[in-house]
C-alpha atoms as a PDB file:
ATOM      1  CA  MET A   1     -14.496  50.221 -30.515  1.00  0.00           C
ATOM      2  CA  MET A   2     -12.165  50.049 -27.561  1.00  0.00           C
ATOM      3  CA  TYR A   3     -12.231  46.610 -27.536  1.00  0.00           C
ATOM      4  CA  SER A   4     -11.257  46.102 -31.509  1.00  0.00           C
ATOM      5  CA  PHE A   5      -8.208  48.593 -30.667  1.00  0.00           C
ATOM      6  CA  THR A   6      -7.342  46.387 -27.525  1.00  0.00           C
ATOM      7  CA  PHE A   7      -7.416  43.093 -29.189  1.00  0.00           C
ATOM      8  CA  ASN A   8      -5.555  44.731 -32.249  1.00  0.00           C
ATOM      9  CA  HIS A   9      -2.950  45.634 -30.102  1.00  0.00           C
ATOM     10  CA  LEU A  10      -2.589  42.361 -28.107  1.00  0.00           C
ATOM     11  CA  ASP A  11      -2.237  40.641 -31.541  1.00  0.00           C
ATOM     12  CA  GLU A  12       0.785  43.376 -32.722  1.00  0.00           C
ATOM     13  CA  THR A  13       2.536  42.641 -29.160  1.00  0.00           C
ATOM     14  CA  LYS A  14       2.006  39.113 -29.572  1.00  0.00           C
ATOM     15  CA  ALA A  15       3.478  39.227 -33.081  1.00  0.00           C
ATOM     16  CA  PHE A  16       6.524  41.368 -31.787  1.00  0.00           C
ATOM     17  CA  ASP A  17       7.296  39.267 -28.907  1.00  0.00           C
ATOM     18  CA  GLU A  18       7.353  36.308 -30.916  1.00  0.00           C
ATOM     19  CA  TRP A  19       9.857  37.822 -33.429  1.00  0.00           C
ATOM     20  CA  ILE A  20      12.061  38.842 -30.733  1.00  0.00           C
ATOM     21  CA  VAL A  21      12.192  35.429 -29.180  1.00  0.00           C
ATOM     22  CA  LYS A  22      13.052  34.061 -32.927  1.00  0.00           C
ATOM     23  CA  ILE A  23      15.885  36.487 -32.678  1.00  0.00           C
ATOM     24  CA  VAL A  24      17.184  35.858 -29.496  1.00  0.00           C
ATOM     25  CA  ASP A  25      17.078  31.968 -30.388  1.00  0.00           C
ATOM     26  CA  GLY A  26      18.550  32.368 -33.404  1.00  0.00           C
ATOM     27  CA  ASN A  27      15.815  31.223 -35.479  1.00  0.00           C
ATOM     28  CA  ILE A  28      15.534  34.007 -37.955  1.00  0.00           C
ATOM     29  CA  GLY A  29      17.188  34.892 -41.402  1.00  0.00           C
ATOM     30  CA  ASP A  30      20.066  32.798 -42.629  1.00  0.00           C
ATOM     31  CA  PRO A  31      22.584  30.516 -41.092  1.00  0.00           C
ATOM     32  CA  ASN A  32      25.746  32.684 -40.571  1.00  0.00           C
ATOM     33  CA  ASP A  33      29.143  32.714 -38.905  1.00  0.00           C
ATOM     34  CA  GLY A  34      28.317  34.844 -36.138  1.00  0.00           C
ATOM     35  CA  GLU A  35      27.043  37.945 -37.901  1.00  0.00           C
ATOM     36  CA  ALA A  36      23.892  38.231 -39.718  1.00  0.00           C
ATOM     37  CA  GLU A  37      21.661  41.019 -40.778  1.00  0.00           C
ATOM     38  CA  ILE A  38      18.128  41.511 -39.054  1.00  0.00           C
ATOM     39  CA  GLU A  39      14.959  43.469 -40.728  1.00  0.00           C
ATOM     40  CA  PHE A  40      13.020  45.438 -38.012  1.00  0.00           C
ATOM     41  CA  LEU A  41       9.731  46.550 -38.372  1.00  0.00           C
ATOM     42  CA  GLU A  42       9.437  50.230 -39.297  1.00  0.00           C
ATOM     43  CA  ASP A  43       7.009  50.803 -36.289  1.00  0.00           C
ATOM     44  CA  VAL A  44       9.950  49.757 -33.954  1.00  0.00           C
ATOM     45  CA  VAL A  45      12.610  51.761 -35.282  1.00  0.00           C
ATOM     46  CA  VAL A  46      13.631  55.072 -33.948  1.00  0.00           C
ATOM     47  CA  ARG A  47      15.070  57.378 -36.819  1.00  0.00           C
ATOM     48  CA  SER A  48      16.925  60.420 -35.210  1.00  0.00           C
ATOM     49  CA  ILE A  49      19.004  63.417 -36.368  1.00  0.00           C
ATOM     50  CA  GLY A  50      21.878  64.031 -33.728  1.00  0.00           C
ATOM     51  CA  ASP A  51      22.013  62.748 -30.675  1.00  0.00           C
ATOM     52  CA  HIS A  52      20.400  59.042 -31.049  1.00  0.00           C
ATOM     53  CA  ILE A  53      20.616  57.681 -27.707  1.00  0.00           C
ATOM     54  CA  HIS A  54      18.743  60.634 -26.307  1.00  0.00           C
ATOM     55  CA  SER A  55      16.205  60.177 -28.914  1.00  0.00           C
ATOM     56  CA  VAL A  56      15.581  56.453 -28.119  1.00  0.00           C
ATOM     57  CA  VAL A  57      15.700  57.034 -24.236  1.00  0.00           C
ATOM     58  CA  SER A  58      13.301  59.977 -24.536  1.00  0.00           C
ATOM     59  CA  ILE A  59      10.729  57.868 -26.710  1.00  0.00           C
ATOM     60  CA  VAL A  60      11.025  54.778 -24.702  1.00  0.00           C
ATOM     61  CA  TYR A  61      11.319  56.419 -21.079  1.00  0.00           C
ATOM     62  CA  LEU A  62       8.558  59.235 -21.298  1.00  0.00           C
ATOM     63  CA  SER A  63       8.557  61.166 -18.256  1.00  0.00           C
ATOM     64  CA  PHE A  64      11.587  59.318 -17.245  1.00  0.00           C
ATOM     65  CA  GLU A  65      12.298  61.860 -14.074  1.00  0.00           C
ATOM     66  CA  ASN A  66       8.566  61.244 -12.816  1.00  0.00           C
ATOM     67  CA  HIS A  67       9.226  57.595 -12.425  1.00  0.00           C
ATOM     68  CA  LEU A  68      12.898  57.174 -10.808  1.00  0.00           C
ATOM     69  CA  ASP A  69      11.198  55.615  -7.789  1.00  0.00           C
ATOM     70  CA  ASP A  70       8.979  53.115  -9.772  1.00  0.00           C
ATOM     71  CA  GLN A  71      10.981  49.886 -10.364  1.00  0.00           C
ATOM     72  CA  SER A  72       8.281  48.266 -12.752  1.00  0.00           C
ATOM     73  CA  TYR A  73       8.498  51.443 -14.830  1.00  0.00           C
ATOM     74  CA  PHE A  74      12.271  50.405 -15.927  1.00  0.00           C
ATOM     75  CA  GLN A  75      11.664  46.638 -15.809  1.00  0.00           C
ATOM     76  CA  ASP A  76       8.828  46.699 -18.299  1.00  0.00           C
ATOM     77  CA  LYS A  77      10.738  48.468 -21.217  1.00  0.00           C
ATOM     78  CA  ALA A  78      13.903  47.634 -23.032  1.00  0.00           C
ATOM     79  CA  ILE A  79      15.969  49.323 -25.659  1.00  0.00           C
ATOM     80  CA  LEU A  80      17.899  47.098 -28.272  1.00  0.00           C
ATOM     81  CA  VAL A  81      21.156  48.164 -29.623  1.00  0.00           C
ATOM     82  CA  PRO A  82      23.660  46.227 -31.919  1.00  0.00           C
ATOM     83  CA  THR A  83      26.910  46.215 -29.804  1.00  0.00           C
ATOM     84  CA  ASN A  84      28.218  46.196 -26.423  1.00  0.00           C
ATOM     85  CA  GLU A  85      29.570  49.616 -27.200  1.00  0.00           C
ATOM     86  CA  GLU A  86      26.008  50.935 -27.734  1.00  0.00           C
ATOM     87  CA  PHE A  87      24.692  49.072 -24.621  1.00  0.00           C
ATOM     88  CA  ASP A  88      27.421  50.662 -22.364  1.00  0.00           C
ATOM     89  CA  ALA A  89      26.986  54.235 -23.899  1.00  0.00           C
ATOM     90  CA  THR A  90      23.192  54.193 -23.273  1.00  0.00           C
ATOM     91  CA  ASN A  91      23.405  53.027 -19.841  1.00  0.00           C
ATOM     92  CA  ASP A  92      25.808  55.521 -19.278  1.00  0.00           C
ATOM     93  CA  TYR A  93      23.412  57.911 -20.495  1.00  0.00           C
ATOM     94  CA  ILE A  94      20.629  56.678 -18.676  1.00  0.00           C
ATOM     95  CA  LEU A  95      22.867  56.433 -15.229  1.00  0.00           C
ATOM     96  CA  GLY A  96      23.525  60.006 -15.915  1.00  0.00           C
ATOM     97  CA  LEU A  97      20.348  61.072 -16.004  1.00  0.00           C
ATOM     98  CA  MET A  98      19.762  59.241 -12.792  1.00  0.00           C
ATOM     99  CA  LYS A  99      22.776  61.193 -11.320  1.00  0.00           C
ATOM    100  CA  ASP A 100      21.299  64.681 -12.580  1.00  0.00           C
ATOM    101  CA  GLU A 101      17.851  64.161 -10.925  1.00  0.00           C
ATOM    102  CA  GLY A 102      19.545  63.371  -7.409  1.00  0.00           C
ATOM    103  CA  LYS A 103      21.163  67.008  -7.703  1.00  0.00           C
ATOM    104  CA  THR A 104      19.546  70.180  -6.243  1.00  0.00           C
END
């Protein structure tokens, strides 16, 4: 039973990785003028009410405060956002958490 779960998980991870590569390479969807709509798989979308940045960060980085000294914890994860503004806001939020953890 454990092997079945592991192989299914690997298949799903491989399919997701290939999907992301297609997005990055511009090989998904129709030709466009620099803008496109991409349909995301439901199991990778975080739905939230209120502070969506907090919701996403708390799901992607579980036990954030316990891993501040573990570089691989941050290297092995990614949050995709649609705009540079969203990236900046998410980055600022995470950096703020790191600063808060340094306070006593």
